[in-house]
């Protein structure tokens, strides 16, 4: 799999949202490298951590929302 340029917007850094372009293999890997934490594609709105944008040649702009990974714990 080849690397793609992903534009990661950190939604946990305040109203402006810190932004960085990262060459990576997947949106999750790009966000993990920028944020320093594991993220997943589904979660609660309160756990929204980043938006990641990319565009393949000849294709429309794509975006995915990524959420903080919440570990399940048994009590």
Protein backbone atom coordinates (compact mmCIF):
# COMPACT_ATOMS: atom_id res chain seq x y z
CA UNK A 1 0.00 0.00 0.00
CA UNK A 2 1.36 3.41 -0.91
CA UNK A 3 1.44 6.50 1.28
CA UNK A 4 -1.09 9.30 0.86
CA UNK A 5 -1.15 12.88 2.10
CA UNK A 6 -3.69 13.27 4.91
CA UNK A 7 -4.73 16.62 6.39
CA UNK A 8 -5.41 16.02 10.09
CA UNK A 9 -7.37 18.56 12.13
CA UNK A 10 -6.98 18.14 15.90
CA UNK A 11 -10.38 18.98 17.40
CA UNK A 12 -9.13 18.66 20.96
CA UNK A 13 -6.77 21.65 20.75
CA UNK A 14 -9.37 24.43 21.00
CA UNK A 15 -11.70 26.35 18.75
CA UNK A 16 -9.20 26.88 15.92
CA UNK A 17 -8.12 23.25 15.64
CA UNK A 18 -4.45 22.51 15.09
CA UNK A 19 -3.87 21.25 11.55
CA UNK A 20 -1.05 19.23 10.00
CA UNK A 21 -0.48 17.40 6.71
CA UNK A 22 1.03 13.94 7.20
CA UNK A 23 2.19 11.36 4.67
CA UNK A 24 0.78 8.03 5.86
CA UNK A 25 -0.93 4.78 4.84
CA UNK A 26 -4.30 5.42 6.52
CA UNK A 27 -6.26 8.23 8.17
CA UNK A 28 -6.00 6.45 11.54
CA UNK A 29 -2.22 6.15 11.28
CA UNK A 30 -1.86 9.82 10.30
CA UNK A 31 -4.00 10.95 13.25
CA UNK A 32 -2.17 8.63 15.66
CA UNK A 33 1.17 10.05 14.57
CA UNK A 34 -0.04 13.64 15.06
CA UNK A 35 -2.04 13.14 18.27
CA UNK A 36 0.08 10.50 19.94
CA UNK A 37 -2.95 8.35 20.78
CA UNK A 38 -5.00 5.57 19.22
CA UNK A 39 -8.18 6.64 17.42
CA UNK A 40 -11.10 4.74 15.89
CA UNK A 41 -13.78 5.51 13.28
CA UNK A 42 -16.78 5.28 15.60
CA UNK A 43 -17.57 6.64 19.02
CA UNK A 44 -19.59 9.08 21.07
CA UNK A 45 -19.71 12.70 19.98
CA UNK A 46 -17.96 13.73 23.22
CA UNK A 47 -14.98 11.56 22.19
CA UNK A 48 -14.55 13.20 18.75
CA UNK A 49 -10.82 13.83 18.43
CA UNK A 50 -9.99 14.65 14.80
CA UNK A 51 -11.18 15.05 11.25
CA UNK A 52 -8.95 13.72 8.50
CA UNK A 53 -9.21 14.77 4.83
CA UNK A 54 -7.56 13.27 1.73
CA UNK A 55 -8.13 13.12 -2.01
CA UNK A 56 -7.07 10.48 -4.49
CA UNK A 57 -6.38 11.63 -8.08
CA UNK A 58 -9.62 12.03 -10.02
CA UNK A 59 -11.75 11.39 -6.93
CA UNK A 60 -13.79 13.71 -4.68
CA UNK A 61 -12.42 14.94 -1.35
CA UNK A 62 -12.90 12.36 1.41
CA UNK A 63 -13.21 12.94 5.15
CA UNK A 64 -13.45 10.70 8.19
CA UNK A 65 -14.16 11.59 11.82
CA UNK A 66 -11.96 9.83 14.34
CA UNK A 67 -12.69 9.31 18.02
CA UNK A 68 -10.59 8.64 21.11
CA UNK A 69 -10.32 4.92 21.70
CA UNK A 70 -12.25 4.05 24.85
CA UNK A 71 -11.13 0.86 26.54
CA UNK A 72 -13.88 -1.42 27.78
CA UNK A 73 -13.42 -2.32 31.42
CA UNK A 74 -15.20 -5.00 33.40
CA UNK A 75 -16.24 -4.08 36.94
